[in-house]
Amino acid sequence: MTSPVIEAMGYRLIEENCSVYSDGPDATWSPADQKSYAKWQCKLGFGGADADGIPGPTSWNKLRVPAVYE
């Protein structure tokens, strides 16, 4: 999946100190995105299958990713 929203999400994860990026985020979903998002979910108190690194509505809304336009 490729979208500017993914890159914006990555920068928000960096701001929240939930980054495992070695080169910074870009617009293509990667294992680093999933691992970083899992750190975010854990920071919010999720665990187990709820901290799998796949965005869900609750964690996504709390991350407050800015609107981006393609």
PDB file of N, CA and C in Angstrom:
ATOM      1  N   MET A   1       0.847  -1.164   0.000  1.00  0.00           N
ATOM      2  CA  MET A   1       0.000   0.000   0.000  1.00  0.00           C
ATOM      3  C   MET A   1       0.899   1.236   0.000  1.00  0.00           C
ATOM      4  N   THR A   2       0.536   2.200  -0.803  1.00  0.00           N
ATOM      5  CA  THR A   2       1.274   3.456  -0.886  1.00  0.00           C
ATOM      6  C   THR A   2       0.290   4.616  -0.800  1.00  0.00           C
ATOM      7  N   SER A   3       0.578   5.552   0.101  1.00  0.00           N
ATOM      8  CA  SER A   3      -0.281   6.718   0.283  1.00  0.00           C
ATOM      9  C   SER A   3       0.480   7.765   1.090  1.00  0.00           C
ATOM     10  N   PRO A   4       0.255   9.051   0.794  1.00  0.00           N
ATOM     11  CA  PRO A   4       0.884  10.081   1.621  1.00  0.00           C
ATOM     12  C   PRO A   4       0.426  10.029   3.079  1.00  0.00           C
ATOM     13  N   VAL A   5      -0.704   9.410   3.344  1.00  0.00           N
ATOM     14  CA  VAL A   5      -1.181   9.258   4.722  1.00  0.00           C
ATOM     15  C   VAL A   5      -0.215   8.382   5.523  1.00  0.00           C
ATOM     16  N   ILE A   6       0.365   7.390   4.885  1.00  0.00           N
ATOM     17  CA  ILE A   6       1.314   6.504   5.568  1.00  0.00           C
ATOM     18  C   ILE A   6       2.531   7.298   6.022  1.00  0.00           C
ATOM     19  N   GLU A   7       3.029   8.167   5.167  1.00  0.00           N
ATOM     20  CA  GLU A   7       4.176   8.991   5.540  1.00  0.00           C
ATOM     21  C   GLU A   7       3.813   9.950   6.678  1.00  0.00           C
ATOM     22  N   ALA A   8       2.646  10.558   6.598  1.00  0.00           N
ATOM     23  CA  ALA A   8       2.194  11.461   7.658  1.00  0.00           C
ATOM     24  C   ALA A   8       2.053  10.702   8.975  1.00  0.00           C
ATOM     25  N   MET A   9       1.544   9.490   8.915  1.00  0.00           N
ATOM     26  CA  MET A   9       1.442   8.652  10.102  1.00  0.00           C
ATOM     27  C   MET A   9       2.822   8.412  10.694  1.00  0.00           C
ATOM     28  N   GLY A  10       3.782   8.108   9.843  1.00  0.00           N
ATOM     29  CA  GLY A  10       5.150   7.851  10.302  1.00  0.00           C
ATOM     30  C   GLY A  10       5.736   9.026  11.052  1.00  0.00           C
ATOM     31  N   TYR A  11       5.517  10.222  10.539  1.00  0.00           N
ATOM     32  CA  TYR A  11       6.048  11.407  11.223  1.00  0.00           C
ATOM     33  C   TYR A  11       5.350  11.643  12.560  1.00  0.00           C
ATOM     34  N   ARG A  12       4.060  11.323  12.634  1.00  0.00           N
ATOM     35  CA  ARG A  12       3.363  11.430  13.926  1.00  0.00           C
ATOM     36  C   ARG A  12       3.917  10.402  14.919  1.00  0.00           C
ATOM     37  N   LEU A  13       4.220   9.195  14.427  1.00  0.00           N
ATOM     38  CA  LEU A  13       4.789   8.174  15.306  1.00  0.00           C
ATOM     39  C   LEU A  13       6.152   8.619  15.836  1.00  0.00           C
ATOM     40  N   ILE A  14       6.936   9.272  14.993  1.00  0.00           N
ATOM     41  CA  ILE A  14       8.226   9.813  15.436  1.00  0.00           C
ATOM     42  C   ILE A  14       7.991  10.850  16.532  1.00  0.00           C
ATOM     43  N   GLU A  15       7.031  11.743  16.314  1.00  0.00           N
ATOM     44  CA  GLU A  15       6.720  12.774  17.317  1.00  0.00           C
ATOM     45  C   GLU A  15       6.288  12.162  18.647  1.00  0.00           C
ATOM     46  N   GLU A  16       5.670  10.998  18.586  1.00  0.00           N
ATOM     47  CA  GLU A  16       5.199  10.318  19.797  1.00  0.00           C
ATOM     48  C   GLU A  16       6.252   9.372  20.380  1.00  0.00           C
ATOM     49  N   ASN A  17       7.480   9.446  19.860  1.00  0.00           N
ATOM     50  CA  ASN A  17       8.574   8.572  20.318  1.00  0.00           C
ATOM     51  C   ASN A  17       8.233   7.094  20.174  1.00  0.00           C
ATOM     52  N   CYS A  18       7.596   6.757  19.069  1.00  0.00           N
ATOM     53  CA  CYS A  18       7.218   5.372  18.782  1.00  0.00           C
ATOM     54  C   CYS A  18       7.805   4.921  17.448  1.00  0.00           C
ATOM     55  N   SER A  19       9.023   5.306  17.189  1.00  0.00           N
ATOM     56  CA  SER A  19       9.632   5.035  15.889  1.00  0.00           C
ATOM     57  C   SER A  19      10.669   3.927  15.958  1.00  0.00           C
ATOM     58  N   VAL A  20      10.656   3.057  14.961  1.00  0.00           N
ATOM     59  CA  VAL A  20      11.748   2.118  14.739  1.00  0.00           C
ATOM     60  C   VAL A  20      12.347   2.346  13.346  1.00  0.00           C
ATOM     61  N   TYR A  21      12.043   3.498  12.753  1.00  0.00           N
ATOM     62  CA  TYR A  21      12.542   3.810  11.415  1.00  0.00           C
ATOM     63  C   TYR A  21      14.050   4.024  11.451  1.00  0.00           C
ATOM     64  N   SER A  22      14.747   3.450  10.464  1.00  0.00           N
ATOM     65  CA  SER A  22      16.181   3.706  10.348  1.00  0.00           C
ATOM     66  C   SER A  22      16.449   4.831   9.352  1.00  0.00           C
ATOM     67  N   ASP A  23      15.583   4.978   8.348  1.00  0.00           N
ATOM     68  CA  ASP A  23      15.769   6.009   7.326  1.00  0.00           C
ATOM     69  C   ASP A  23      14.619   7.000   7.286  1.00  0.00           C
ATOM     70  N   GLY A  24      13.711   6.918   8.195  1.00  0.00           N
ATOM     71  CA  GLY A  24      12.555   7.804   8.170  1.00  0.00           C
ATOM     72  C   GLY A  24      11.416   7.187   7.389  1.00  0.00           C
ATOM     73  N   PRO A  25      10.204   7.633   7.646  1.00  0.00           N
ATOM     74  CA  PRO A  25       9.038   7.081   6.963  1.00  0.00           C
ATOM     75  C   PRO A  25       8.933   7.593   5.531  1.00  0.00           C
ATOM     76  N   ASP A  26       8.246   6.817   4.708  1.00  0.00           N
ATOM     77  CA  ASP A  26       7.884   7.280   3.368  1.00  0.00           C
ATOM     78  C   ASP A  26       6.459   6.826   3.095  1.00  0.00           C
ATOM     79  N   ALA A  27       6.016   6.975   1.878  1.00  0.00           N
ATOM     80  CA  ALA A  27       4.609   6.745   1.548  1.00  0.00           C
ATOM     81  C   ALA A  27       4.235   5.274   1.360  1.00  0.00           C
ATOM     82  N   THR A  28       5.206   4.379   1.435  1.00  0.00           N
ATOM     83  CA  THR A  28       4.937   2.956   1.236  1.00  0.00           C
ATOM     84  C   THR A  28       4.937   2.226   2.574  1.00  0.00           C
ATOM     85  N   TRP A  29       3.861   1.485   2.854  1.00  0.00           N
ATOM     86  CA  TRP A  29       3.744   0.714   4.092  1.00  0.00           C
ATOM     87  C   TRP A  29       4.883  -0.291   4.150  1.00  0.00           C
ATOM     88  N   SER A  30       5.537  -0.384   5.304  1.00  0.00           N
ATOM     89  CA  SER A  30       6.686  -1.274   5.462  1.00  0.00           C
ATOM     90  C   SER A  30       6.637  -1.948   6.833  1.00  0.00           C
ATOM     91  N   PRO A  31       7.513  -2.937   7.045  1.00  0.00           N
ATOM     92  CA  PRO A  31       7.591  -3.543   8.374  1.00  0.00           C
ATOM     93  C   PRO A  31       7.922  -2.514   9.463  1.00  0.00           C
ATOM     94  N   ALA A  32       8.707  -1.491   9.137  1.00  0.00           N
ATOM     95  CA  ALA A  32       9.026  -0.447  10.120  1.00  0.00           C
ATOM     96  C   ALA A  32       7.771   0.327  10.516  1.00  0.00           C
ATOM     97  N   ASP A  33       6.875   0.554   9.563  1.00  0.00           N
ATOM     98  CA  ASP A  33       5.603   1.213   9.888  1.00  0.00           C
ATOM     99  C   ASP A  33       4.805   0.365  10.867  1.00  0.00           C
ATOM    100  N   GLN A  34       4.719  -0.913  10.585  1.00  0.00           N
ATOM    101  CA  GLN A  34       3.931  -1.799  11.440  1.00  0.00           C
ATOM    102  C   GLN A  34       4.541  -1.908  12.831  1.00  0.00           C
ATOM    103  N   LYS A  35       5.860  -2.022  12.919  1.00  0.00           N
ATOM    104  CA  LYS A  35       6.512  -2.106  14.227  1.00  0.00           C
ATOM    105  C   LYS A  35       6.368  -0.794  14.999  1.00  0.00           C
ATOM    106  N   SER A  36       6.483   0.327  14.302  1.00  0.00           N
ATOM    107  CA  SER A  36       6.328   1.624  14.953  1.00  0.00           C
ATOM    108  C   SER A  36       4.902   1.800  15.451  1.00  0.00           C
ATOM    109  N   TYR A  37       3.942   1.400  14.625  1.00  0.00           N
ATOM    110  CA  TYR A  37       2.541   1.526  15.044  1.00  0.00           C
ATOM    111  C   TYR A  37       2.248   0.612  16.228  1.00  0.00           C
ATOM    112  N   ALA A  38       2.861  -0.566  16.255  1.00  0.00           N
ATOM    113  CA  ALA A  38       2.686  -1.470  17.392  1.00  0.00           C
ATOM    114  C   ALA A  38       3.212  -0.815  18.674  1.00  0.00           C
ATOM    115  N   LYS A  39       4.332  -0.083  18.569  1.00  0.00           N
ATOM    116  CA  LYS A  39       4.836   0.651  19.733  1.00  0.00           C
ATOM    117  C   LYS A  39       3.814   1.681  20.199  1.00  0.00           C
ATOM    118  N   TRP A  40       3.167   2.358  19.247  1.00  0.00           N
ATOM    119  CA  TRP A  40       2.127   3.329  19.583  1.00  0.00           C
ATOM    120  C   TRP A  40       0.971   2.643  20.311  1.00  0.00           C
ATOM    121  N   GLN A  41       0.537   1.508  19.783  1.00  0.00           N
ATOM    122  CA  GLN A  41      -0.559   0.792  20.416  1.00  0.00           C
ATOM    123  C   GLN A  41      -0.185   0.375  21.847  1.00  0.00           C
ATOM    124  N   CYS A  42       1.043  -0.073  22.028  1.00  0.00           N
ATOM    125  CA  CYS A  42       1.496  -0.442  23.378  1.00  0.00           C
ATOM    126  C   CYS A  42       1.523   0.782  24.286  1.00  0.00           C
ATOM    127  N   LYS A  43       1.966   1.918  23.754  1.00  0.00           N
ATOM    128  CA  LYS A  43       1.990   3.159  24.542  1.00  0.00           C
ATOM    129  C   LYS A  43       0.587   3.525  25.016  1.00  0.00           C
ATOM    130  N   LEU A  44      -0.405   3.200  24.198  1.00  0.00           N
ATOM    131  CA  LEU A  44      -1.794   3.473  24.570  1.00  0.00           C
ATOM    132  C   LEU A  44      -2.358   2.446  25.547  1.00  0.00           C
ATOM    133  N   GLY A  45      -1.599   1.381  25.814  1.00  0.00           N
ATOM    134  CA  GLY A  45      -2.053   0.370  26.759  1.00  0.00           C
ATOM    135  C   GLY A  45      -2.611  -0.886  26.128  1.00  0.00           C
ATOM    136  N   PHE A  46      -2.594  -0.962  24.808  1.00  0.00           N
ATOM    137  CA  PHE A  46      -3.051  -2.177  24.141  1.00  0.00           C
ATOM    138  C   PHE A  46      -1.985  -3.252  24.284  1.00  0.00           C
ATOM    139  N   GLY A  47      -2.385  -4.497  24.216  1.00  0.00           N
ATOM    140  CA  GLY A  47      -1.448  -5.608  24.297  1.00  0.00           C
ATOM    141  C   GLY A  47      -1.923  -6.768  23.457  1.00  0.00           C
ATOM    142  N   GLY A  48      -1.087  -7.776  23.331  1.00  0.00           N
ATOM    143  CA  GLY A  48      -1.434  -8.974  22.582  1.00  0.00           C
ATOM    144  C   GLY A  48      -1.846  -8.664  21.162  1.00  0.00           C
ATOM    145  N   ALA A  49      -2.929  -9.288  20.718  1.00  0.00           N
ATOM    146  CA  ALA A  49      -3.417  -9.106  19.346  1.00  0.00           C
ATOM    147  C   ALA A  49      -3.887  -7.679  19.087  1.00  0.00           C
ATOM    148  N   ASP A  50      -4.163  -6.925  20.139  1.00  0.00           N
ATOM    149  CA  ASP A  50      -4.594  -5.532  19.967  1.00  0.00           C
ATOM    150  C   ASP A  50      -3.422  -4.590  19.711  1.00  0.00           C
ATOM    151  N   ALA A  51      -2.200  -5.098  19.824  1.00  0.00           N
ATOM    152  CA  ALA A  51      -0.998  -4.306  19.552  1.00  0.00           C
ATOM    153  C   ALA A  51      -0.220  -4.958  18.415  1.00  0.00           C
ATOM    154  N   ASP A  52      -0.928  -5.217  17.320  1.00  0.00           N
ATOM    155  CA  ASP A  52      -0.331  -5.926  16.190  1.00  0.00           C
ATOM    156  C   ASP A  52       0.290  -5.002  15.143  1.00  0.00           C
ATOM    157  N   GLY A  53       0.190  -3.684  15.355  1.00  0.00           N
ATOM    158  CA  GLY A  53       0.766  -2.738  14.402  1.00  0.00           C
ATOM    159  C   GLY A  53      -0.144  -2.383  13.252  1.00  0.00           C
ATOM    160  N   ILE A  54      -1.352  -2.898  13.252  1.00  0.00           N
ATOM    161  CA  ILE A  54      -2.338  -2.569  12.223  1.00  0.00           C
ATOM    162  C   ILE A  54      -3.263  -1.503  12.806  1.00  0.00           C
ATOM    163  N   PRO A  55      -3.340  -0.332  12.166  1.00  0.00           N
ATOM    164  CA  PRO A  55      -4.178   0.732  12.714  1.00  0.00           C
ATOM    165  C   PRO A  55      -5.642   0.317  12.857  1.00  0.00           C
ATOM    166  N   GLY A  56      -6.196   0.654  13.998  1.00  0.00           N
ATOM    167  CA  GLY A  56      -7.622   0.492  14.248  1.00  0.00           C
ATOM    168  C   GLY A  56      -8.194   1.862  14.566  1.00  0.00           C
ATOM    169  N   PRO A  57      -9.511   1.988  14.608  1.00  0.00           N
ATOM    170  CA  PRO A  57     -10.112   3.299  14.778  1.00  0.00           C
ATOM    171  C   PRO A  57      -9.719   4.016  16.068  1.00  0.00           C
ATOM    172  N   THR A  58      -9.630   3.313  17.183  1.00  0.00           N
ATOM    173  CA  THR A  58      -9.316   3.971  18.451  1.00  0.00           C
ATOM    174  C   THR A  58      -7.897   4.524  18.456  1.00  0.00           C
ATOM    175  N   SER A  59      -6.924   3.683  18.110  1.00  0.00           N
ATOM    176  CA  SER A  59      -5.533   4.145  18.125  1.00  0.00           C
ATOM    177  C   SER A  59      -5.286   5.184  17.031  1.00  0.00           C
ATOM    178  N   TRP A  60      -5.920   5.018  15.878  1.00  0.00           N
ATOM    179  CA  TRP A  60      -5.742   5.969  14.782  1.00  0.00           C
ATOM    180  C   TRP A  60      -6.254   7.363  15.182  1.00  0.00           C
ATOM    181  N   ASN A  61      -7.426   7.412  15.761  1.00  0.00           N
ATOM    182  CA  ASN A  61      -7.983   8.704  16.170  1.00  0.00           C
ATOM    183  C   ASN A  61      -7.115   9.393  17.217  1.00  0.00           C
ATOM    184  N   LYS A  62      -6.515   8.611  18.103  1.00  0.00           N
ATOM    185  CA  LYS A  62      -5.662   9.198  19.136  1.00  0.00           C
ATOM    186  C   LYS A  62      -4.325   9.679  18.574  1.00  0.00           C
ATOM    187  N   LEU A  63      -3.886   9.129  17.451  1.00  0.00           N
ATOM    188  CA  LEU A  63      -2.611   9.541  16.851  1.00  0.00           C
ATOM    189  C   LEU A  63      -2.723  10.921  16.188  1.00  0.00           C
ATOM    190  N   ARG A  64      -3.922  11.288  15.764  1.00  0.00           N
ATOM    191  CA  ARG A  64      -4.167  12.606  15.167  1.00  0.00           C
ATOM    192  C   ARG A  64      -3.253  12.879  13.963  1.00  0.00           C
ATOM    193  N   VAL A  65      -3.293  11.992  13.006  1.00  0.00           N
ATOM    194  CA  VAL A  65      -2.520  12.171  11.770  1.00  0.00           C
ATOM    195  C   VAL A  65      -3.146  13.336  11.006  1.00  0.00           C
ATOM    196  N   PRO A  66      -2.332  14.306  10.583  1.00  0.00           N
ATOM    197  CA  PRO A  66      -2.895  15.438   9.857  1.00  0.00           C
ATOM    198  C   PRO A  66      -3.437  15.033   8.493  1.00  0.00           C
ATOM    199  N   ALA A  67      -4.425  15.745   8.028  1.00  0.00           N
ATOM    200  CA  ALA A  67      -4.998  15.486   6.707  1.00  0.00           C
ATOM    201  C   ALA A  67      -3.955  15.782   5.638  1.00  0.00           C
ATOM    202  N   VAL A  68      -3.847  14.897   4.680  1.00  0.00           N
ATOM    203  CA  VAL A  68      -2.937  15.094   3.549  1.00  0.00           C
ATOM    204  C   VAL A  68      -3.732  14.868   2.270  1.00  0.00           C
ATOM    205  N   TYR A  69      -3.283  15.480   1.218  1.00  0.00           N
ATOM    206  CA  TYR A  69      -3.981  15.375  -0.065  1.00  0.00           C
ATOM    207  C   TYR A  69      -3.004  14.918  -1.122  1.00  0.00           C
ATOM    208  N   GLU A  70      -3.466  13.993  -1.954  1.00  0.00           N
ATOM    209  CA  GLU A  70      -2.614  13.462  -3.011  1.00  0.00           C
ATOM    210  C   GLU A  70      -2.600  14.372  -4.198  1.00  0.00           C
TER     211      GLU A  70
END
